[in-house]
Amino acid sequence: MRRLLSVLLVSGCLLAGLPQVTPAQGTRGFTIFGGPDQELDFYLQNGEANEKDRYYLRISKDKLRSSVVKLKIEYPDYYKGKFDTDKVKINVGEEKVEVPVKSVTWNEEERFITIEPEEALSPDKKIELVLENVKNPWRGGMFYFNCRIVPLRGSSQPLYIGTWVLSIN
């Protein structure tokens, strides 16, 4: 009986000490500034430095107050990755219906990408921007990608929606 009890105790300690398996970028991590109101969800398919990747940048419907006619992604000067403007998609809603893209412009000097859908995006559905064939920077790090939108009505100036805090290993 003592032997069985000691085997169970040792087995329990070993199992408790094993790390839990979690998906890459499964959690938001620790945010010091900006807080949860400013942080947007994302998923990186690869997440490794100097590798090809696919970025899934998400905007929840509660961040949108009106229809969206243009999206602008601003990234920091220390991000040295490359984007393929021919491989950008917009998916909307829970069922991720693809919306035709009118134009994608990448301004390397000013460090931003603008994405214009063929028709205005409804504020009632979440938006997912899919950037395929991205070449991650050769050096990993944390990169703050700011999201701005141009609403259908109101200001023609892009309005800040939130930030994707990308972590590349």
N, C-alpha and C. Protein backbone atom coordinates (compact mmCIF):
# COMPACT_ATOMS: atom_id res chain seq x y z
N MET A 1 0.82 -1.20 0.00
CA MET A 1 0.00 0.00 0.00
C MET A 1 0.87 1.26 0.00
N ARG A 2 1.94 1.25 0.84
CA ARG A 2 2.83 2.42 0.89
C ARG A 2 3.52 2.62 -0.46
N ARG A 3 3.88 1.50 -1.07
CA ARG A 3 4.57 1.57 -2.36
C ARG A 3 3.64 2.18 -3.43
N LEU A 4 2.39 1.78 -3.46
CA LEU A 4 1.41 2.32 -4.40
C LEU A 4 1.20 3.81 -4.17
N LEU A 5 1.10 4.19 -2.91
CA LEU A 5 0.91 5.60 -2.58
C LEU A 5 2.11 6.44 -3.01
N SER A 6 3.32 5.93 -2.81
CA SER A 6 4.51 6.69 -3.21
C SER A 6 4.62 6.78 -4.73
N VAL A 7 4.24 5.71 -5.45
CA VAL A 7 4.25 5.74 -6.92
C VAL A 7 3.25 6.77 -7.43
N LEU A 8 2.06 6.81 -6.85
CA LEU A 8 1.05 7.79 -7.26
C LEU A 8 1.51 9.22 -6.95
N LEU A 9 2.15 9.42 -5.82
CA LEU A 9 2.64 10.74 -5.44
C LEU A 9 3.73 11.22 -6.40
N VAL A 10 4.68 10.36 -6.72
CA VAL A 10 5.76 10.71 -7.66
C VAL A 10 5.19 10.96 -9.05
N SER A 11 4.26 10.13 -9.50
CA SER A 11 3.63 10.32 -10.82
C SER A 11 2.89 11.65 -10.89
N GLY A 12 2.16 11.98 -9.84
CA GLY A 12 1.44 13.25 -9.80
C GLY A 12 2.37 14.44 -9.86
N CYS A 13 3.50 14.36 -9.16
CA CYS A 13 4.48 15.46 -9.20
C CYS A 13 5.09 15.60 -10.58
N LEU A 14 5.39 14.48 -11.24
CA LEU A 14 5.96 14.54 -12.58
C LEU A 14 4.98 15.14 -13.58
N LEU A 15 3.72 14.73 -13.52
CA LEU A 15 2.72 15.27 -14.44
C LEU A 15 2.46 16.75 -14.20
N ALA A 16 2.49 17.18 -12.96
CA ALA A 16 2.27 18.59 -12.65
C ALA A 16 3.43 19.44 -13.13
N GLY A 17 4.61 18.85 -13.24
CA GLY A 17 5.80 19.60 -13.66
C GLY A 17 5.95 19.73 -15.16
N LEU A 18 5.17 18.98 -15.94
CA LEU A 18 5.27 19.07 -17.40
C LEU A 18 4.65 20.36 -17.90
N PRO A 19 5.28 21.01 -18.90
CA PRO A 19 4.69 22.24 -19.44
C PRO A 19 3.42 21.94 -20.23
N GLN A 20 2.51 22.88 -20.20
CA GLN A 20 1.25 22.74 -20.93
C GLN A 20 1.47 23.15 -22.37
N VAL A 21 0.95 22.39 -23.32
CA VAL A 21 1.08 22.69 -24.73
C VAL A 21 0.09 23.79 -25.09
N THR A 22 0.60 24.89 -25.70
CA THR A 22 -0.26 25.99 -26.14
C THR A 22 0.11 26.38 -27.56
N PRO A 23 -0.85 26.84 -28.37
CA PRO A 23 -0.54 27.25 -29.74
C PRO A 23 0.28 28.55 -29.76
N ALA A 24 1.06 28.71 -30.84
CA ALA A 24 1.85 29.93 -31.00
C ALA A 24 0.93 31.14 -31.06
N GLN A 25 1.32 32.21 -30.43
CA GLN A 25 0.54 33.44 -30.35
C GLN A 25 -0.88 33.17 -29.87
N GLY A 26 -1.05 32.19 -29.01
CA GLY A 26 -2.37 31.83 -28.51
C GLY A 26 -2.92 32.84 -27.52
N THR A 27 -2.03 33.58 -26.86
CA THR A 27 -2.47 34.58 -25.89
C THR A 27 -1.86 35.92 -26.25
N ARG A 28 -2.39 36.96 -25.67
CA ARG A 28 -1.92 38.30 -25.97
C ARG A 28 -0.62 38.62 -25.27
N GLY A 29 -0.29 37.94 -24.20
CA GLY A 29 0.93 38.24 -23.46
C GLY A 29 0.71 39.36 -22.47
N PHE A 30 1.78 40.02 -22.10
CA PHE A 30 1.76 41.05 -21.07
C PHE A 30 1.86 42.42 -21.72
N THR A 31 0.93 43.32 -21.45
CA THR A 31 0.93 44.66 -22.02
C THR A 31 1.09 45.68 -20.91
N ILE A 32 2.12 46.52 -21.04
CA ILE A 32 2.35 47.56 -20.03
C ILE A 32 1.57 48.81 -20.39
N PHE A 33 1.73 49.29 -21.64
CA PHE A 33 1.05 50.51 -22.07
C PHE A 33 0.02 50.16 -23.14
N GLY A 34 -1.04 50.92 -23.21
CA GLY A 34 -2.05 50.72 -24.23
C GLY A 34 -3.26 49.97 -23.73
N GLY A 35 -3.04 49.00 -22.90
CA GLY A 35 -4.15 48.28 -22.28
C GLY A 35 -4.95 47.45 -23.25
N PRO A 36 -5.89 46.68 -22.74
CA PRO A 36 -6.67 45.79 -23.59
C PRO A 36 -7.62 46.52 -24.54
N ASP A 37 -7.98 47.77 -24.24
CA ASP A 37 -8.89 48.50 -25.12
C ASP A 37 -8.23 48.85 -26.45
N GLN A 38 -6.91 48.97 -26.48
CA GLN A 38 -6.20 49.37 -27.67
C GLN A 38 -5.63 48.20 -28.47
N GLU A 39 -5.48 47.05 -27.82
CA GLU A 39 -4.82 45.92 -28.46
C GLU A 39 -5.78 45.11 -29.32
N LEU A 40 -5.35 44.81 -30.54
CA LEU A 40 -6.16 44.04 -31.49
C LEU A 40 -5.63 42.61 -31.58
N ASP A 41 -6.51 41.68 -31.91
CA ASP A 41 -6.13 40.28 -32.05
C ASP A 41 -5.43 40.03 -33.38
N PHE A 42 -4.56 39.04 -33.38
CA PHE A 42 -3.84 38.65 -34.59
C PHE A 42 -3.38 37.21 -34.46
N TYR A 43 -2.91 36.66 -35.57
CA TYR A 43 -2.28 35.35 -35.56
C TYR A 43 -1.22 35.36 -36.65
N LEU A 44 -0.02 34.88 -36.32
CA LEU A 44 1.04 34.72 -37.30
C LEU A 44 1.17 33.23 -37.58
N GLN A 45 1.13 32.85 -38.84
CA GLN A 45 1.19 31.43 -39.16
C GLN A 45 2.56 30.85 -38.82
N ASN A 46 3.63 31.62 -39.01
CA ASN A 46 4.98 31.12 -38.75
C ASN A 46 5.59 31.81 -37.53
N GLY A 47 5.77 33.12 -37.60
CA GLY A 47 6.29 33.89 -36.48
C GLY A 47 7.79 33.81 -36.28
N GLU A 48 8.52 33.28 -37.26
CA GLU A 48 9.98 33.14 -37.15
C GLU A 48 10.68 34.22 -37.97
N ALA A 49 11.78 34.73 -37.44
CA ALA A 49 12.56 35.77 -38.12
C ALA A 49 13.11 35.24 -39.44
N ASN A 50 13.18 36.13 -40.42
CA ASN A 50 13.78 35.86 -41.73
C ASN A 50 13.10 34.71 -42.49
N GLU A 51 11.82 34.50 -42.23
CA GLU A 51 11.06 33.44 -42.90
C GLU A 51 9.82 34.04 -43.57
N LYS A 52 9.28 33.31 -44.54
CA LYS A 52 8.00 33.70 -45.15
C LYS A 52 6.89 33.45 -44.13
N ASP A 53 5.87 34.30 -44.15
CA ASP A 53 4.82 34.19 -43.14
C ASP A 53 3.49 34.63 -43.71
N ARG A 54 2.44 34.36 -42.96
CA ARG A 54 1.10 34.83 -43.27
C ARG A 54 0.55 35.47 -42.00
N TYR A 55 0.13 36.75 -42.11
CA TYR A 55 -0.40 37.49 -40.96
C TYR A 55 -1.92 37.53 -41.06
N TYR A 56 -2.58 37.21 -39.96
CA TYR A 56 -4.03 37.36 -39.83
C TYR A 56 -4.26 38.48 -38.82
N LEU A 57 -4.61 39.66 -39.30
CA LEU A 57 -4.81 40.83 -38.45
C LEU A 57 -6.31 41.06 -38.31
N ARG A 58 -6.80 41.00 -37.07
CA ARG A 58 -8.24 41.02 -36.84
C ARG A 58 -8.71 42.31 -36.17
N ILE A 59 -9.90 42.75 -36.58
CA ILE A 59 -10.55 43.93 -35.99
C ILE A 59 -11.95 43.48 -35.58
N SER A 60 -12.25 43.54 -34.29
CA SER A 60 -13.57 43.10 -33.82
C SER A 60 -14.62 44.13 -34.20
N LYS A 61 -15.86 43.67 -34.33
CA LYS A 61 -16.94 44.57 -34.76
C LYS A 61 -17.23 45.66 -33.74
N ASP A 62 -16.90 45.45 -32.45
CA ASP A 62 -17.17 46.49 -31.46
C ASP A 62 -16.18 47.65 -31.55
N LYS A 63 -15.13 47.53 -32.38
CA LYS A 63 -14.21 48.64 -32.62
C LYS A 63 -14.72 49.57 -33.72
N LEU A 64 -15.71 49.11 -34.48
CA LEU A 64 -16.19 49.86 -35.64
C LEU A 64 -17.51 50.55 -35.33
N ARG A 65 -17.60 51.83 -35.68
CA ARG A 65 -18.83 52.59 -35.44
C ARG A 65 -19.60 52.87 -36.73
N SER A 66 -18.87 52.83 -37.84
CA SER A 66 -19.53 53.03 -39.13
C SER A 66 -18.81 52.18 -40.18
N SER A 67 -19.38 52.16 -41.38
CA SER A 67 -18.79 51.38 -42.47
C SER A 67 -17.39 51.88 -42.79
N VAL A 68 -16.54 50.97 -43.26
CA VAL A 68 -15.13 51.28 -43.52
C VAL A 68 -14.87 51.26 -45.02
N VAL A 69 -14.25 52.34 -45.54
CA VAL A 69 -13.93 52.40 -46.96
C VAL A 69 -12.43 52.23 -47.23
N LYS A 70 -11.60 52.39 -46.20
CA LYS A 70 -10.16 52.22 -46.37
C LYS A 70 -9.54 51.84 -45.03
N LEU A 71 -8.52 50.98 -45.08
CA LEU A 71 -7.78 50.59 -43.88
C LEU A 71 -6.32 50.97 -44.08
N LYS A 72 -5.69 51.41 -43.01
CA LYS A 72 -4.29 51.80 -43.07
C LYS A 72 -3.54 51.09 -41.94
N ILE A 73 -2.47 50.40 -42.29
CA ILE A 73 -1.62 49.72 -41.31
C ILE A 73 -0.29 50.45 -41.27
N GLU A 74 0.04 50.99 -40.10
CA GLU A 74 1.32 51.68 -39.92
C GLU A 74 2.23 50.78 -39.09
N TYR A 75 3.50 50.72 -39.47
CA TYR A 75 4.44 49.86 -38.74
C TYR A 75 5.70 50.66 -38.41
N PRO A 76 6.49 50.21 -37.42
CA PRO A 76 7.64 50.99 -36.94
C PRO A 76 8.82 50.96 -37.91
N ASP A 77 9.71 51.94 -37.75
CA ASP A 77 10.88 52.04 -38.63
C ASP A 77 11.86 50.88 -38.46
N TYR A 78 11.84 50.21 -37.33
CA TYR A 78 12.76 49.09 -37.10
C TYR A 78 12.22 47.75 -37.63
N TYR A 79 11.01 47.76 -38.18
CA TYR A 79 10.48 46.56 -38.84
C TYR A 79 11.02 46.55 -40.27
N LYS A 80 11.82 45.55 -40.60
CA LYS A 80 12.47 45.47 -41.92
C LYS A 80 11.93 44.33 -42.77
N GLY A 81 10.67 43.99 -42.59
CA GLY A 81 10.05 42.93 -43.38
C GLY A 81 9.61 43.44 -44.75
N LYS A 82 9.13 42.52 -45.57
CA LYS A 82 8.66 42.84 -46.92
C LYS A 82 7.23 42.31 -47.09
N PHE A 83 6.40 43.10 -47.76
CA PHE A 83 5.00 42.74 -47.99
C PHE A 83 4.76 42.49 -49.48
N ASP A 84 3.87 41.59 -49.78
CA ASP A 84 3.46 41.29 -51.15
C ASP A 84 2.06 41.87 -51.34
N THR A 85 1.97 43.00 -52.03
CA THR A 85 0.68 43.69 -52.18
C THR A 85 -0.32 42.91 -53.04
N ASP A 86 0.17 41.93 -53.79
CA ASP A 86 -0.73 41.09 -54.59
C ASP A 86 -1.36 39.98 -53.77
N LYS A 87 -0.91 39.80 -52.55
CA LYS A 87 -1.37 38.69 -51.70
C LYS A 87 -2.05 39.21 -50.43
N VAL A 88 -2.93 40.19 -50.57
CA VAL A 88 -3.67 40.75 -49.44
C VAL A 88 -5.15 40.44 -49.63
N LYS A 89 -5.77 39.90 -48.57
CA LYS A 89 -7.19 39.56 -48.61
C LYS A 89 -7.91 40.23 -47.45
N ILE A 90 -9.21 40.43 -47.64
CA ILE A 90 -10.08 40.92 -46.56
C ILE A 90 -11.18 39.88 -46.37
N ASN A 91 -11.30 39.37 -45.15
CA ASN A 91 -12.38 38.45 -44.78
C ASN A 91 -13.28 39.14 -43.77
N VAL A 92 -14.59 38.94 -43.88
CA VAL A 92 -15.52 39.56 -42.93
C VAL A 92 -16.43 38.51 -42.31
N GLY A 93 -16.85 38.79 -41.08
CA GLY A 93 -17.80 37.94 -40.37
C GLY A 93 -17.17 36.69 -39.79
N GLU A 94 -17.99 35.97 -39.03
CA GLU A 94 -17.55 34.72 -38.41
C GLU A 94 -17.25 33.65 -39.46
N GLU A 95 -17.98 33.70 -40.57
CA GLU A 95 -17.78 32.71 -41.63
C GLU A 95 -16.62 33.08 -42.56
N LYS A 96 -15.99 34.23 -42.34
CA LYS A 96 -14.81 34.70 -43.08
C LYS A 96 -15.05 34.74 -44.60
N VAL A 97 -16.05 35.49 -44.99
CA VAL A 97 -16.36 35.68 -46.40
C VAL A 97 -15.36 36.66 -46.99
N GLU A 98 -14.72 36.28 -48.09
CA GLU A 98 -13.72 37.14 -48.71
C GLU A 98 -14.40 38.28 -49.48
N VAL A 99 -13.90 39.49 -49.26
CA VAL A 99 -14.40 40.69 -49.92
C VAL A 99 -13.38 41.10 -50.98
N PRO A 100 -13.82 41.42 -52.20
CA PRO A 100 -12.87 41.85 -53.22
C PRO A 100 -12.11 43.12 -52.80
N VAL A 101 -10.83 43.13 -53.12
CA VAL A 101 -9.96 44.26 -52.78
C VAL A 101 -9.77 45.12 -54.02
N LYS A 102 -10.05 46.42 -53.89
CA LYS A 102 -9.91 47.37 -54.99
C LYS A 102 -8.44 47.72 -55.21
N SER A 103 -7.73 48.07 -54.11
CA SER A 103 -6.32 48.42 -54.24
C SER A 103 -5.57 48.21 -52.93
N VAL A 104 -4.29 47.91 -53.07
CA VAL A 104 -3.37 47.80 -51.94
C VAL A 104 -2.13 48.61 -52.30
N THR A 105 -1.76 49.53 -51.42
CA THR A 105 -0.58 50.37 -51.65
C THR A 105 0.37 50.22 -50.47
N TRP A 106 1.64 49.96 -50.78
CA TRP A 106 2.67 49.86 -49.74
C TRP A 106 3.63 51.02 -49.92
N ASN A 107 3.68 51.92 -48.95
CA ASN A 107 4.59 53.06 -48.95
C ASN A 107 5.75 52.72 -48.00
N GLU A 108 6.86 52.26 -48.58
CA GLU A 108 8.01 51.84 -47.77
C GLU A 108 8.66 53.00 -47.02
N GLU A 109 8.72 54.17 -47.65
CA GLU A 109 9.38 55.33 -47.02
C GLU A 109 8.62 55.81 -45.79
N GLU A 110 7.29 55.87 -45.91
CA GLU A 110 6.45 56.35 -44.80
C GLU A 110 6.01 55.21 -43.88
N ARG A 111 6.32 53.97 -44.25
CA ARG A 111 6.06 52.77 -43.44
C ARG A 111 4.56 52.54 -43.17
N PHE A 112 3.80 52.42 -44.23
CA PHE A 112 2.39 52.06 -44.07
C PHE A 112 1.87 51.33 -45.30
N ILE A 113 0.77 50.62 -45.09
CA ILE A 113 0.06 49.92 -46.16
C ILE A 113 -1.39 50.40 -46.11
N THR A 114 -1.95 50.74 -47.27
CA THR A 114 -3.37 51.07 -47.33
C THR A 114 -4.08 49.97 -48.12
N ILE A 115 -5.24 49.59 -47.61
CA ILE A 115 -6.05 48.55 -48.25
C ILE A 115 -7.44 49.13 -48.47
N GLU A 116 -7.87 49.09 -49.72
CA GLU A 116 -9.18 49.65 -50.07
C GLU A 116 -10.07 48.55 -50.65
N PRO A 117 -11.16 48.23 -49.94
CA PRO A 117 -12.08 47.22 -50.49
C PRO A 117 -12.92 47.81 -51.63
N GLU A 118 -13.46 46.95 -52.48
CA GLU A 118 -14.31 47.43 -53.58
C GLU A 118 -15.60 48.05 -53.07
N GLU A 119 -16.10 47.56 -51.94
CA GLU A 119 -17.30 48.14 -51.34
C GLU A 119 -17.04 48.34 -49.85
N ALA A 120 -17.78 49.26 -49.26
CA ALA A 120 -17.60 49.57 -47.83
C ALA A 120 -17.85 48.34 -46.97
N LEU A 121 -17.04 48.18 -45.93
CA LEU A 121 -17.16 47.06 -45.00
C LEU A 121 -18.14 47.42 -43.88
N SER A 122 -19.06 46.53 -43.61
CA SER A 122 -20.09 46.76 -42.60
C SER A 122 -19.50 46.79 -41.19
N PRO A 123 -20.00 47.69 -40.34
CA PRO A 123 -19.53 47.73 -38.95
C PRO A 123 -20.13 46.60 -38.10
N ASP A 124 -21.06 45.84 -38.66
CA ASP A 124 -21.74 44.76 -37.92
C ASP A 124 -20.97 43.45 -37.94
N LYS A 125 -19.86 43.39 -38.67
CA LYS A 125 -19.11 42.14 -38.78
C LYS A 125 -17.63 42.40 -38.53
N LYS A 126 -16.98 41.43 -37.91
CA LYS A 126 -15.54 41.57 -37.67
C LYS A 126 -14.79 41.51 -39.00
N ILE A 127 -13.62 42.12 -39.01
CA ILE A 127 -12.78 42.18 -40.21
C ILE A 127 -11.49 41.42 -39.93
N GLU A 128 -11.06 40.65 -40.91
CA GLU A 128 -9.76 39.97 -40.81
C GLU A 128 -8.96 40.31 -42.06
N LEU A 129 -7.81 40.93 -41.86
CA LEU A 129 -6.90 41.23 -42.96
C LEU A 129 -5.89 40.09 -43.03
N VAL A 130 -5.74 39.51 -44.21
CA VAL A 130 -4.79 38.42 -44.38
C VAL A 130 -3.68 38.91 -45.31
N LEU A 131 -2.47 39.01 -44.76
CA LEU A 131 -1.30 39.41 -45.54
C LEU A 131 -0.48 38.16 -45.78
N GLU A 132 -0.48 37.68 -47.01
CA GLU A 132 0.24 36.46 -47.35
C GLU A 132 1.59 36.80 -47.96
N ASN A 133 2.47 35.81 -47.95
CA ASN A 133 3.79 35.94 -48.57
C ASN A 133 4.59 37.09 -47.97
N VAL A 134 4.46 37.30 -46.66
CA VAL A 134 5.22 38.34 -45.96
C VAL A 134 6.60 37.77 -45.65
N LYS A 135 7.63 38.55 -45.89
CA LYS A 135 8.99 38.16 -45.49
C LYS A 135 9.27 38.83 -44.16
N ASN A 136 9.34 38.04 -43.09
CA ASN A 136 9.61 38.59 -41.76
C ASN A 136 10.99 39.23 -41.71
N PRO A 137 11.18 40.22 -40.82
CA PRO A 137 12.50 40.84 -40.68
C PRO A 137 13.54 39.81 -40.26
N TRP A 138 14.79 40.07 -40.61
CA TRP A 138 15.86 39.12 -40.30
C TRP A 138 16.13 39.03 -38.80
N ARG A 139 15.77 40.06 -38.08
CA ARG A 139 15.92 40.06 -36.62
C ARG A 139 14.53 40.11 -36.00
N GLY A 140 14.29 39.20 -35.07
CA GLY A 140 12.99 39.15 -34.40
C GLY A 140 12.82 40.31 -33.44
N GLY A 141 11.67 40.38 -32.83
CA GLY A 141 11.38 41.43 -31.86
C GLY A 141 9.89 41.65 -31.74
N MET A 142 9.54 42.72 -31.03
CA MET A 142 8.14 43.12 -30.87
C MET A 142 7.88 44.30 -31.79
N PHE A 143 6.83 44.20 -32.56
CA PHE A 143 6.53 45.22 -33.54
C PHE A 143 5.09 45.69 -33.36
N TYR A 144 4.92 46.99 -33.21
CA TYR A 144 3.60 47.58 -33.00
C TYR A 144 3.05 48.06 -34.34
N PHE A 145 2.03 47.37 -34.83
CA PHE A 145 1.35 47.74 -36.06
C PHE A 145 0.07 48.46 -35.68
N ASN A 146 -0.04 49.74 -36.05
CA ASN A 146 -1.23 50.53 -35.74
C ASN A 146 -2.25 50.40 -36.86
N CYS A 147 -3.51 50.32 -36.48
CA CYS A 147 -4.60 50.22 -37.44
C CYS A 147 -5.40 51.52 -37.43
N ARG A 148 -5.59 52.07 -38.61
CA ARG A 148 -6.45 53.25 -38.78
C ARG A 148 -7.45 52.93 -39.89
N ILE A 149 -8.63 53.50 -39.78
CA ILE A 149 -9.66 53.29 -40.81
C ILE A 149 -10.19 54.63 -41.28
N VAL A 150 -10.67 54.63 -42.51
CA VAL A 150 -11.40 55.79 -43.04
C VAL A 150 -12.86 55.37 -43.10
N PRO A 151 -13.72 56.04 -42.32
CA PRO A 151 -15.14 55.67 -42.32
C PRO A 151 -15.85 56.17 -43.57
N LEU A 152 -16.99 55.55 -43.88
CA LEU A 152 -17.80 55.94 -45.03
C LEU A 152 -18.29 57.37 -44.89
N ARG A 153 -18.74 57.72 -43.69
CA ARG A 153 -19.23 59.08 -43.42
C ARG A 153 -18.34 59.73 -42.38
N GLY A 154 -18.19 61.02 -42.50
CA GLY A 154 -17.39 61.74 -41.51
C GLY A 154 -16.01 62.09 -42.04
N SER A 155 -15.04 62.03 -41.17
CA SER A 155 -13.67 62.45 -41.48
C SER A 155 -13.04 61.60 -42.58
N SER A 156 -12.32 62.29 -43.48
CA SER A 156 -11.55 61.56 -44.49
C SER A 156 -10.17 61.20 -43.96
N GLN A 157 -9.85 61.74 -42.78
CA GLN A 157 -8.59 61.39 -42.11
C GLN A 157 -8.75 60.02 -41.46
N PRO A 158 -7.73 59.16 -41.58
CA PRO A 158 -7.81 57.84 -40.93
C PRO A 158 -7.92 57.96 -39.41
N LEU A 159 -8.86 57.21 -38.82
CA LEU A 159 -9.10 57.21 -37.38
C LEU A 159 -8.43 56.00 -36.74
N TYR A 160 -7.74 56.23 -35.62
CA TYR A 160 -7.05 55.16 -34.92
C TYR A 160 -8.07 54.18 -34.31
N ILE A 161 -7.85 52.89 -34.54
CA ILE A 161 -8.73 51.84 -34.02
C ILE A 161 -8.04 51.03 -32.92
N GLY A 162 -6.76 50.73 -33.11
CA GLY A 162 -6.03 49.92 -32.14
C GLY A 162 -4.69 49.49 -32.69
N THR A 163 -4.02 48.62 -31.94
CA THR A 163 -2.67 48.19 -32.28
C THR A 163 -2.55 46.67 -32.20
N TRP A 164 -1.89 46.10 -33.20
CA TRP A 164 -1.50 44.70 -33.15
C TRP A 164 -0.06 44.67 -32.64
N VAL A 165 0.19 43.94 -31.57
CA VAL A 165 1.55 43.82 -31.02
C VAL A 165 2.10 42.48 -31.49
N LEU A 166 2.84 42.53 -32.60
CA LEU A 166 3.37 41.31 -33.21
C LEU A 166 4.70 40.94 -32.57
N SER A 167 4.85 39.68 -32.25
CA SER A 167 6.09 39.17 -31.67
C SER A 167 6.67 38.15 -32.63
N ILE A 168 7.86 38.46 -33.14
CA ILE A 168 8.54 37.56 -34.08
C ILE A 168 9.80 37.04 -33.40
N ASN A 169 9.96 35.72 -33.39
CA ASN A 169 11.10 35.09 -32.71
C ASN A 169 12.36 35.16 -33.55
